[in-house]
Amino acid sequence: NLMSTVLVIIFSYIYILGAILKMSS
């Protein structure tokens, strides 16, 4: 329960951070 939910959160925010850094605005 902990590993599956933590991994979903971590990978989600890794992709979110990548998308935010690519924003020009």
mmCIF file of all heavy atoms, coordinates in Angstrom:
data_MODEL
# 
_entry.id   MODEL 
# 
loop_
_atom_site.group_PDB 
_atom_site.id 
_atom_site.type_symbol 
_atom_site.label_atom_id 
_atom_site.label_alt_id 
_atom_site.label_comp_id 
_atom_site.label_asym_id 
_atom_site.label_entity_id 
_atom_site.label_seq_id 
_atom_site.pdbx_PDB_ins_code 
_atom_site.Cartn_x 
_atom_site.Cartn_y 
_atom_site.Cartn_z 
_atom_site.occupancy 
_atom_site.B_iso_or_equiv 
_atom_site.pdbx_formal_charge 
_atom_site.auth_seq_id 
_atom_site.auth_comp_id 
_atom_site.auth_asym_id 
_atom_site.auth_atom_id 
_atom_site.pdbx_PDB_model_num 
ATOM 1   N N   . ASN A 1 1  ? 0.824  -1.222 0.000   1.00 0.00 ? 1  ASN A N   1 
ATOM 2   C CA  . ASN A 1 1  ? 0.000  0.000  0.000   1.00 0.00 ? 1  ASN A CA  1 
ATOM 3   C C   . ASN A 1 1  ? 0.851  1.262  0.000   1.00 0.00 ? 1  ASN A C   1 
ATOM 4   O O   . ASN A 1 1  ? 0.569  2.213  -0.742  1.00 0.00 ? 1  ASN A O   1 
ATOM 5   C CB  . ASN A 1 1  ? -0.931 0.002  1.221   1.00 0.00 ? 1  ASN A CB  1 
ATOM 6   C CG  . ASN A 1 1  ? -2.012 -1.058 1.136   1.00 0.00 ? 1  ASN A CG  1 
ATOM 7   O OD1 . ASN A 1 1  ? -2.463 -1.422 0.057   1.00 0.00 ? 1  ASN A OD1 1 
ATOM 8   N ND2 . ASN A 1 1  ? -2.428 -1.580 2.285   1.00 0.00 ? 1  ASN A ND2 1 
ATOM 9   N N   . LEU A 1 2  ? 1.890  1.279  0.841   1.00 0.00 ? 2  LEU A N   1 
ATOM 10  C CA  . LEU A 1 2  ? 2.745  2.455  0.920   1.00 0.00 ? 2  LEU A CA  1 
ATOM 11  C C   . LEU A 1 2  ? 3.582  2.624  -0.341  1.00 0.00 ? 2  LEU A C   1 
ATOM 12  O O   . LEU A 1 2  ? 3.645  3.720  -0.914  1.00 0.00 ? 2  LEU A O   1 
ATOM 13  C CB  . LEU A 1 2  ? 3.646  2.387  2.150   1.00 0.00 ? 2  LEU A CB  1 
ATOM 14  C CG  . LEU A 1 2  ? 2.976  2.577  3.509   1.00 0.00 ? 2  LEU A CG  1 
ATOM 15  C CD1 . LEU A 1 2  ? 3.989  2.479  4.632   1.00 0.00 ? 2  LEU A CD1 1 
ATOM 16  C CD2 . LEU A 1 2  ? 2.267  3.925  3.576   1.00 0.00 ? 2  LEU A CD2 1 
ATOM 17  N N   . MET A 1 3  ? 4.227  1.543  -0.797  1.00 0.00 ? 3  MET A N   1 
ATOM 18  C CA  . MET A 1 3  ? 5.116  1.638  -1.955  1.00 0.00 ? 3  MET A CA  1 
ATOM 19  C C   . MET A 1 3  ? 4.352  1.996  -3.227  1.00 0.00 ? 3  MET A C   1 
ATOM 20  O O   . MET A 1 3  ? 4.790  2.841  -4.020  1.00 0.00 ? 3  MET A O   1 
ATOM 21  C CB  . MET A 1 3  ? 5.886  0.326  -2.149  1.00 0.00 ? 3  MET A CB  1 
ATOM 22  C CG  . MET A 1 3  ? 6.965  0.069  -1.116  1.00 0.00 ? 3  MET A CG  1 
ATOM 23  S SD  . MET A 1 3  ? 8.208  1.399  -1.052  1.00 0.00 ? 3  MET A SD  1 
ATOM 24  C CE  . MET A 1 3  ? 8.897  1.277  -2.699  1.00 0.00 ? 3  MET A CE  1 
ATOM 25  N N   . SER A 1 4  ? 3.207  1.357  -3.450  1.00 0.00 ? 4  SER A N   1 
ATOM 26  C CA  . SER A 1 4  ? 2.447  1.619  -4.676  1.00 0.00 ? 4  SER A CA  1 
ATOM 27  C C   . SER A 1 4  ? 1.951  3.060  -4.717  1.00 0.00 ? 4  SER A C   1 
ATOM 28  O O   . SER A 1 4  ? 2.063  3.737  -5.757  1.00 0.00 ? 4  SER A O   1 
ATOM 29  C CB  . SER A 1 4  ? 1.272  0.648  -4.796  1.00 0.00 ? 4  SER A CB  1 
ATOM 30  O OG  . SER A 1 4  ? 0.395  0.760  -3.692  1.00 0.00 ? 4  SER A OG  1 
ATOM 31  N N   . THR A 1 5  ? 1.420  3.551  -3.606  1.00 0.00 ? 5  THR A N   1 
ATOM 32  C CA  . THR A 1 5  ? 0.907  4.924  -3.593  1.00 0.00 ? 5  THR A CA  1 
ATOM 33  C C   . THR A 1 5  ? 2.037  5.951  -3.644  1.00 0.00 ? 5  THR A C   1 
ATOM 34  O O   . THR A 1 5  ? 1.923  6.961  -4.345  1.00 0.00 ? 5  THR A O   1 
ATOM 35  C CB  . THR A 1 5  ? 0.038  5.170  -2.349  1.00 0.00 ? 5  THR A CB  1 
ATOM 36  O OG1 . THR A 1 5  ? 0.769  4.824  -1.158  1.00 0.00 ? 5  THR A OG1 1 
ATOM 37  C CG2 . THR A 1 5  ? -1.236 4.336  -2.413  1.00 0.00 ? 5  THR A CG2 1 
ATOM 38  N N   . VAL A 1 6  ? 3.124  5.686  -2.927  1.00 0.00 ? 6  VAL A N   1 
ATOM 39  C CA  . VAL A 1 6  ? 4.264  6.608  -2.938  1.00 0.00 ? 6  VAL A CA  1 
ATOM 40  C C   . VAL A 1 6  ? 4.876  6.688  -4.334  1.00 0.00 ? 6  VAL A C   1 
ATOM 41  O O   . VAL A 1 6  ? 5.222  7.779  -4.822  1.00 0.00 ? 6  VAL A O   1 
ATOM 42  C CB  . VAL A 1 6  ? 5.333  6.187  -1.903  1.00 0.00 ? 6  VAL A CB  1 
ATOM 43  C CG1 . VAL A 1 6  ? 6.641  6.931  -2.144  1.00 0.00 ? 6  VAL A CG1 1 
ATOM 44  C CG2 . VAL A 1 6  ? 4.843  6.452  -0.493  1.00 0.00 ? 6  VAL A CG2 1 
ATOM 45  N N   . LEU A 1 7  ? 5.010  5.546  -5.009  1.00 0.00 ? 7  LEU A N   1 
ATOM 46  C CA  . LEU A 1 7  ? 5.583  5.544  -6.358  1.00 0.00 ? 7  LEU A CA  1 
ATOM 47  C C   . LEU A 1 7  ? 4.713  6.314  -7.343  1.00 0.00 ? 7  LEU A C   1 
ATOM 48  O O   . LEU A 1 7  ? 5.221  7.039  -8.201  1.00 0.00 ? 7  LEU A O   1 
ATOM 49  C CB  . LEU A 1 7  ? 5.778  4.098  -6.845  1.00 0.00 ? 7  LEU A CB  1 
ATOM 50  C CG  . LEU A 1 7  ? 6.936  3.335  -6.206  1.00 0.00 ? 7  LEU A CG  1 
ATOM 51  C CD1 . LEU A 1 7  ? 6.946  1.877  -6.663  1.00 0.00 ? 7  LEU A CD1 1 
ATOM 52  C CD2 . LEU A 1 7  ? 8.280  3.994  -6.555  1.00 0.00 ? 7  LEU A CD2 1 
ATOM 53  N N   . VAL A 1 8  ? 3.392  6.143  -7.233  1.00 0.00 ? 8  VAL A N   1 
ATOM 54  C CA  . VAL A 1 8  ? 2.474  6.905  -8.099  1.00 0.00 ? 8  VAL A CA  1 
ATOM 55  C C   . VAL A 1 8  ? 2.670  8.401  -7.873  1.00 0.00 ? 8  VAL A C   1 
ATOM 56  O O   . VAL A 1 8  ? 2.749  9.190  -8.834  1.00 0.00 ? 8  VAL A O   1 
ATOM 57  C CB  . VAL A 1 8  ? 1.003  6.507  -7.832  1.00 0.00 ? 8  VAL A CB  1 
ATOM 58  C CG1 . VAL A 1 8  ? 0.047  7.495  -8.502  1.00 0.00 ? 8  VAL A CG1 1 
ATOM 59  C CG2 . VAL A 1 8  ? 0.728  5.109  -8.340  1.00 0.00 ? 8  VAL A CG2 1 
ATOM 60  N N   . ILE A 1 9  ? 2.771  8.804  -6.604  1.00 0.00 ? 9  ILE A N   1 
ATOM 61  C CA  . ILE A 1 9  ? 2.950  10.223 -6.269  1.00 0.00 ? 9  ILE A CA  1 
ATOM 62  C C   . ILE A 1 9  ? 4.292  10.738 -6.784  1.00 0.00 ? 9  ILE A C   1 
ATOM 63  O O   . ILE A 1 9  ? 4.366  11.804 -7.408  1.00 0.00 ? 9  ILE A O   1 
ATOM 64  C CB  . ILE A 1 9  ? 2.838  10.436 -4.747  1.00 0.00 ? 9  ILE A CB  1 
ATOM 65  C CG1 . ILE A 1 9  ? 1.397  10.172 -4.282  1.00 0.00 ? 9  ILE A CG1 1 
ATOM 66  C CG2 . ILE A 1 9  ? 3.260  11.857 -4.360  1.00 0.00 ? 9  ILE A CG2 1 
ATOM 67  C CD1 . ILE A 1 9  ? 1.230  10.087 -2.781  1.00 0.00 ? 9  ILE A CD1 1 
ATOM 68  N N   . ILE A 1 10 ? 5.363  9.972  -6.548  1.00 0.00 ? 10 ILE A N   1 
ATOM 69  C CA  . ILE A 1 10 ? 6.703  10.405 -6.961  1.00 0.00 ? 10 ILE A CA  1 
ATOM 70  C C   . ILE A 1 10 ? 6.795  10.550 -8.477  1.00 0.00 ? 10 ILE A C   1 
ATOM 71  O O   . ILE A 1 10 ? 7.241  11.584 -9.000  1.00 0.00 ? 10 ILE A O   1 
ATOM 72  C CB  . ILE A 1 10 ? 7.776  9.421  -6.448  1.00 0.00 ? 10 ILE A CB  1 
ATOM 73  C CG1 . ILE A 1 10 ? 7.930  9.534  -4.928  1.00 0.00 ? 10 ILE A CG1 1 
ATOM 74  C CG2 . ILE A 1 10 ? 9.129  9.689  -7.130  1.00 0.00 ? 10 ILE A CG2 1 
ATOM 75  C CD1 . ILE A 1 10 ? 8.840  8.492  -4.320  1.00 0.00 ? 10 ILE A CD1 1 
ATOM 76  N N   . PHE A 1 11 ? 6.373  9.523  -9.217  1.00 0.00 ? 11 PHE A N   1 
ATOM 77  C CA  . PHE A 1 11 ? 6.470  9.573  -10.676 1.00 0.00 ? 11 PHE A CA  1 
ATOM 78  C C   . PHE A 1 11 ? 5.551  10.643 -11.256 1.00 0.00 ? 11 PHE A C   1 
ATOM 79  O O   . PHE A 1 11 ? 5.895  11.300 -12.252 1.00 0.00 ? 11 PHE A O   1 
ATOM 80  C CB  . PHE A 1 11 ? 6.170  8.207  -11.288 1.00 0.00 ? 11 PHE A CB  1 
ATOM 81  C CG  . PHE A 1 11 ? 7.327  7.259  -11.226 1.00 0.00 ? 11 PHE A CG  1 
ATOM 82  C CD1 . PHE A 1 11 ? 7.319  6.188  -10.344 1.00 0.00 ? 11 PHE A CD1 1 
ATOM 83  C CD2 . PHE A 1 11 ? 8.448  7.448  -12.025 1.00 0.00 ? 11 PHE A CD2 1 
ATOM 84  C CE1 . PHE A 1 11 ? 8.393  5.310  -10.281 1.00 0.00 ? 11 PHE A CE1 1 
ATOM 85  C CE2 . PHE A 1 11 ? 9.532  6.583  -11.963 1.00 0.00 ? 11 PHE A CE2 1 
ATOM 86  C CZ  . PHE A 1 11 ? 9.511  5.509  -11.092 1.00 0.00 ? 11 PHE A CZ  1 
ATOM 87  N N   . SER A 1 12 ? 4.374  10.835 -10.644 1.00 0.00 ? 12 SER A N   1 
ATOM 88  C CA  . SER A 1 12 ? 3.471  11.893 -11.112 1.00 0.00 ? 12 SER A CA  1 
ATOM 89  C C   . SER A 1 12 ? 4.140  13.256 -11.012 1.00 0.00 ? 12 SER A C   1 
ATOM 90  O O   . SER A 1 12 ? 4.105  14.064 -11.952 1.00 0.00 ? 12 SER A O   1 
ATOM 91  C CB  . SER A 1 12 ? 2.167  11.883 -10.299 1.00 0.00 ? 12 SER A CB  1 
ATOM 92  O OG  . SER A 1 12 ? 1.426  10.718 -10.523 1.00 0.00 ? 12 SER A OG  1 
ATOM 93  N N   . TYR A 1 13 ? 4.792  13.507 -9.881  1.00 0.00 ? 13 TYR A N   1 
ATOM 94  C CA  . TYR A 1 13 ? 5.413  14.815 -9.679  1.00 0.00 ? 13 TYR A CA  1 
ATOM 95  C C   . TYR A 1 13 ? 6.728  14.973 -10.434 1.00 0.00 ? 13 TYR A C   1 
ATOM 96  O O   . TYR A 1 13 ? 7.129  16.106 -10.743 1.00 0.00 ? 13 TYR A O   1 
ATOM 97  C CB  . TYR A 1 13 ? 5.578  15.101 -8.189  1.00 0.00 ? 13 TYR A CB  1 
ATOM 98  C CG  . TYR A 1 13 ? 4.310  15.667 -7.590  1.00 0.00 ? 13 TYR A CG  1 
ATOM 99  C CD1 . TYR A 1 13 ? 3.465  14.879 -6.803  1.00 0.00 ? 13 TYR A CD1 1 
ATOM 100 C CD2 . TYR A 1 13 ? 3.917  16.974 -7.853  1.00 0.00 ? 13 TYR A CD2 1 
ATOM 101 C CE1 . TYR A 1 13 ? 2.283  15.394 -6.290  1.00 0.00 ? 13 TYR A CE1 1 
ATOM 102 C CE2 . TYR A 1 13 ? 2.741  17.493 -7.337  1.00 0.00 ? 13 TYR A CE2 1 
ATOM 103 C CZ  . TYR A 1 13 ? 1.930  16.700 -6.571  1.00 0.00 ? 13 TYR A CZ  1 
ATOM 104 O OH  . TYR A 1 13 ? 0.755  17.212 -6.069  1.00 0.00 ? 13 TYR A OH  1 
ATOM 105 N N   . ILE A 1 14 ? 7.374  13.886 -10.757 1.00 0.00 ? 14 ILE A N   1 
ATOM 106 C CA  . ILE A 1 14 ? 8.549  13.980 -11.630 1.00 0.00 ? 14 ILE A CA  1 
ATOM 107 C C   . ILE A 1 14 ? 8.124  14.484 -13.006 1.00 0.00 ? 14 ILE A C   1 
ATOM 108 O O   . ILE A 1 14 ? 8.735  15.398 -13.584 1.00 0.00 ? 14 ILE A O   1 
ATOM 109 C CB  . ILE A 1 14 ? 9.255  12.613 -11.752 1.00 0.00 ? 14 ILE A CB  1 
ATOM 110 C CG1 . ILE A 1 14 ? 10.001 12.273 -10.448 1.00 0.00 ? 14 ILE A CG1 1 
ATOM 111 C CG2 . ILE A 1 14 ? 10.256 12.622 -12.922 1.00 0.00 ? 14 ILE A CG2 1 
ATOM 112 C CD1 . ILE A 1 14 ? 10.591 10.883 -10.413 1.00 0.00 ? 14 ILE A CD1 1 
ATOM 113 N N   . TYR A 1 15 ? 7.058  13.892 -13.553 1.00 0.00 ? 15 TYR A N   1 
ATOM 114 C CA  . TYR A 1 15 ? 6.547  14.332 -14.857 1.00 0.00 ? 15 TYR A CA  1 
ATOM 115 C C   . TYR A 1 15 ? 5.961  15.741 -14.775 1.00 0.00 ? 15 TYR A C   1 
ATOM 116 O O   . TYR A 1 15 ? 6.102  16.542 -15.719 1.00 0.00 ? 15 TYR A O   1 
ATOM 117 C CB  . TYR A 1 15 ? 5.489  13.356 -15.362 1.00 0.00 ? 15 TYR A CB  1 
ATOM 118 C CG  . TYR A 1 15 ? 6.069  12.081 -15.929 1.00 0.00 ? 15 TYR A CG  1 
ATOM 119 C CD1 . TYR A 1 15 ? 5.989  10.879 -15.230 1.00 0.00 ? 15 TYR A CD1 1 
ATOM 120 C CD2 . TYR A 1 15 ? 6.700  12.076 -17.178 1.00 0.00 ? 15 TYR A CD2 1 
ATOM 121 C CE1 . TYR A 1 15 ? 6.527  9.706  -15.748 1.00 0.00 ? 15 TYR A CE1 1 
ATOM 122 C CE2 . TYR A 1 15 ? 7.236  10.906 -17.708 1.00 0.00 ? 15 TYR A CE2 1 
ATOM 123 C CZ  . TYR A 1 15 ? 7.140  9.728  -16.989 1.00 0.00 ? 15 TYR A CZ  1 
ATOM 124 O OH  . TYR A 1 15 ? 7.680  8.566  -17.519 1.00 0.00 ? 15 TYR A OH  1 
ATOM 125 N N   . ILE A 1 16 ? 5.291  16.054 -13.652 1.00 0.00 ? 16 ILE A N   1 
ATOM 126 C CA  . ILE A 1 16 ? 4.735  17.398 -13.473 1.00 0.00 ? 16 ILE A CA  1 
ATOM 127 C C   . ILE A 1 16 ? 5.850  18.436 -13.450 1.00 0.00 ? 16 ILE A C   1 
ATOM 128 O O   . ILE A 1 16 ? 5.750  19.489 -14.103 1.00 0.00 ? 16 ILE A O   1 
ATOM 129 C CB  . ILE A 1 16 ? 3.907  17.477 -12.166 1.00 0.00 ? 16 ILE A CB  1 
ATOM 130 C CG1 . ILE A 1 16 ? 2.596  16.707 -12.323 1.00 0.00 ? 16 ILE A CG1 1 
ATOM 131 C CG2 . ILE A 1 16 ? 3.626  18.925 -11.782 1.00 0.00 ? 16 ILE A CG2 1 
ATOM 132 C CD1 . ILE A 1 16 ? 1.828  16.512 -11.025 1.00 0.00 ? 16 ILE A CD1 1 
ATOM 133 N N   . LEU A 1 17 ? 6.925  18.148 -12.708 1.00 0.00 ? 17 LEU A N   1 
ATOM 134 C CA  . LEU A 1 17 ? 8.057  19.075 -12.622 1.00 0.00 ? 17 LEU A CA  1 
ATOM 135 C C   . LEU A 1 17 ? 8.681  19.292 -13.990 1.00 0.00 ? 17 LEU A C   1 
ATOM 136 O O   . LEU A 1 17 ? 9.012  20.424 -14.364 1.00 0.00 ? 17 LEU A O   1 
ATOM 137 C CB  . LEU A 1 17 ? 9.101  18.530 -11.638 1.00 0.00 ? 17 LEU A CB  1 
ATOM 138 C CG  . LEU A 1 17 ? 10.327 19.420 -11.387 1.00 0.00 ? 17 LEU A CG  1 
ATOM 139 C CD1 . LEU A 1 17 ? 9.900  20.761 -10.798 1.00 0.00 ? 17 LEU A CD1 1 
ATOM 140 C CD2 . LEU A 1 17 ? 11.311 18.723 -10.453 1.00 0.00 ? 17 LEU A CD2 1 
ATOM 141 N N   . GLY A 1 18 ? 8.831  18.186 -14.746 1.00 0.00 ? 18 GLY A N   1 
ATOM 142 C CA  . GLY A 1 18 ? 9.380  18.291 -16.095 1.00 0.00 ? 18 GLY A CA  1 
ATOM 143 C C   . GLY A 1 18 ? 8.520  19.167 -16.991 1.00 0.00 ? 18 GLY A C   1 
ATOM 144 O O   . GLY A 1 18 ? 9.033  19.998 -17.756 1.00 0.00 ? 18 GLY A O   1 
ATOM 145 N N   . ALA A 1 19 ? 7.196  19.001 -16.885 1.00 0.00 ? 19 ALA A N   1 
ATOM 146 C CA  . ALA A 1 19 ? 6.271  19.792 -17.700 1.00 0.00 ? 19 ALA A CA  1 
ATOM 147 C C   . ALA A 1 19 ? 6.309  21.268 -17.303 1.00 0.00 ? 19 ALA A C   1 
ATOM 148 O O   . ALA A 1 19 ? 6.266  22.157 -18.162 1.00 0.00 ? 19 ALA A O   1 
ATOM 149 C CB  . ALA A 1 19 ? 4.859  19.246 -17.551 1.00 0.00 ? 19 ALA A CB  1 
ATOM 150 N N   . ILE A 1 20 ? 6.418  21.540 -16.006 1.00 0.00 ? 20 ILE A N   1 
ATOM 151 C CA  . ILE A 1 20 ? 6.459  22.928 -15.531 1.00 0.00 ? 20 ILE A CA  1 
ATOM 152 C C   . ILE A 1 20 ? 7.730  23.629 -15.991 1.00 0.00 ? 20 ILE A C   1 
ATOM 153 O O   . ILE A 1 20 ? 7.701  24.794 -16.409 1.00 0.00 ? 20 ILE A O   1 
ATOM 154 C CB  . ILE A 1 20 ? 6.338  22.967 -13.990 1.00 0.00 ? 20 ILE A CB  1 
ATOM 155 C CG1 . ILE A 1 20 ? 4.932  22.544 -13.554 1.00 0.00 ? 20 ILE A CG1 1 
ATOM 156 C CG2 . ILE A 1 20 ? 6.653  24.365 -13.450 1.00 0.00 ? 20 ILE A CG2 1 
ATOM 157 C CD1 . ILE A 1 20 ? 4.756  22.409 -12.043 1.00 0.00 ? 20 ILE A CD1 1 
ATOM 158 N N   . LEU A 1 21 ? 8.862  22.932 -15.923 1.00 0.00 ? 21 LEU A N   1 
ATOM 159 C CA  . LEU A 1 21 ? 10.137 23.528 -16.330 1.00 0.00 ? 21 LEU A CA  1 
ATOM 160 C C   . LEU A 1 21 ? 10.188 23.835 -17.824 1.00 0.00 ? 21 LEU A C   1 
ATOM 161 O O   . LEU A 1 21 ? 10.933 24.713 -18.264 1.00 0.00 ? 21 LEU A O   1 
ATOM 162 C CB  . LEU A 1 21 ? 11.295 22.589 -15.960 1.00 0.00 ? 21 LEU A CB  1 
ATOM 163 C CG  . LEU A 1 21 ? 11.543 22.395 -14.452 1.00 0.00 ? 21 LEU A CG  1 
ATOM 164 C CD1 . LEU A 1 21 ? 12.636 21.375 -14.206 1.00 0.00 ? 21 LEU A CD1 1 
ATOM 165 C CD2 . LEU A 1 21 ? 11.891 23.729 -13.780 1.00 0.00 ? 21 LEU A CD2 1 
ATOM 166 N N   . LYS A 1 22 ? 9.378  23.114 -18.591 1.00 0.00 ? 22 LYS A N   1 
ATOM 167 C CA  . LYS A 1 22 ? 9.333  23.352 -20.046 1.00 0.00 ? 22 LYS A CA  1 
ATOM 168 C C   . LYS A 1 22 ? 8.427  24.525 -20.410 1.00 0.00 ? 22 LYS A C   1 
ATOM 169 O O   . LYS A 1 22 ? 8.454  24.994 -21.556 1.00 0.00 ? 22 LYS A O   1 
ATOM 170 C CB  . LYS A 1 22 ? 8.838  22.097 -20.762 1.00 0.00 ? 22 LYS A CB  1 
ATOM 171 C CG  . LYS A 1 22 ? 9.836  20.947 -20.750 1.00 0.00 ? 22 LYS A CG  1 
ATOM 172 C CD  . LYS A 1 22 ? 9.254  19.715 -21.429 1.00 0.00 ? 22 LYS A CD  1 
ATOM 173 C CE  . LYS A 1 22 ? 10.217 18.536 -21.364 1.00 0.00 ? 22 LYS A CE  1 
ATOM 174 N NZ  . LYS A 1 22 ? 9.642  17.316 -21.972 1.00 0.00 ? 22 LYS A NZ  1 
ATOM 175 N N   . MET A 1 23 ? 7.610  24.988 -19.448 1.00 0.00 ? 23 MET A N   1 
ATOM 176 C CA  . MET A 1 23 ? 6.717  26.119 -19.732 1.00 0.00 ? 23 MET A CA  1 
ATOM 177 C C   . MET A 1 23 ? 7.512  27.399 -19.923 1.00 0.00 ? 23 MET A C   1 
ATOM 178 O O   . MET A 1 23 ? 8.412  27.715 -19.144 1.00 0.00 ? 23 MET A O   1 
ATOM 179 C CB  . MET A 1 23 ? 5.718  26.305 -18.574 1.00 0.00 ? 23 MET A CB  1 
ATOM 180 C CG  . MET A 1 23 ? 4.714  25.191 -18.437 1.00 0.00 ? 23 MET A CG  1 
ATOM 181 S SD  . MET A 1 23 ? 3.605  25.477 -17.020 1.00 0.00 ? 23 MET A SD  1 
ATOM 182 C CE  . MET A 1 23 ? 2.578  24.021 -17.099 1.00 0.00 ? 23 MET A CE  1 
ATOM 183 N N   . SER A 1 24 ? 7.168  28.158 -20.961 1.00 0.00 ? 24 SER A N   1 
ATOM 184 C CA  . SER A 1 24 ? 7.866  29.417 -21.238 1.00 0.00 ? 24 SER A CA  1 
ATOM 185 C C   . SER A 1 24 ? 7.282  30.572 -20.437 1.00 0.00 ? 24 SER A C   1 
ATOM 186 O O   . SER A 1 24 ? 7.964  31.551 -20.140 1.00 0.00 ? 24 SER A O   1 
ATOM 187 C CB  . SER A 1 24 ? 7.786  29.734 -22.732 1.00 0.00 ? 24 SER A CB  1 
ATOM 188 O OG  . SER A 1 24 ? 6.432  29.757 -23.160 1.00 0.00 ? 24 SER A OG  1 
ATOM 189 N N   . SER A 1 25 ? 6.015  30.438 -20.051 1.00 0.00 ? 25 SER A N   1 
ATOM 190 C CA  . SER A 1 25 ? 5.334  31.502 -19.329 1.00 0.00 ? 25 SER A CA  1 
ATOM 191 C C   . SER A 1 25 ? 5.571  31.392 -17.823 1.00 0.00 ? 25 SER A C   1 
ATOM 192 O O   . SER A 1 25 ? 5.365  30.335 -17.225 1.00 0.00 ? 25 SER A O   1 
ATOM 193 C CB  . SER A 1 25 ? 3.827  31.448 -19.625 1.00 0.00 ? 25 SER A CB  1 
ATOM 194 O OG  . SER A 1 25 ? 3.117  32.290 -18.749 1.00 0.00 ? 25 SER A OG  1 
# 
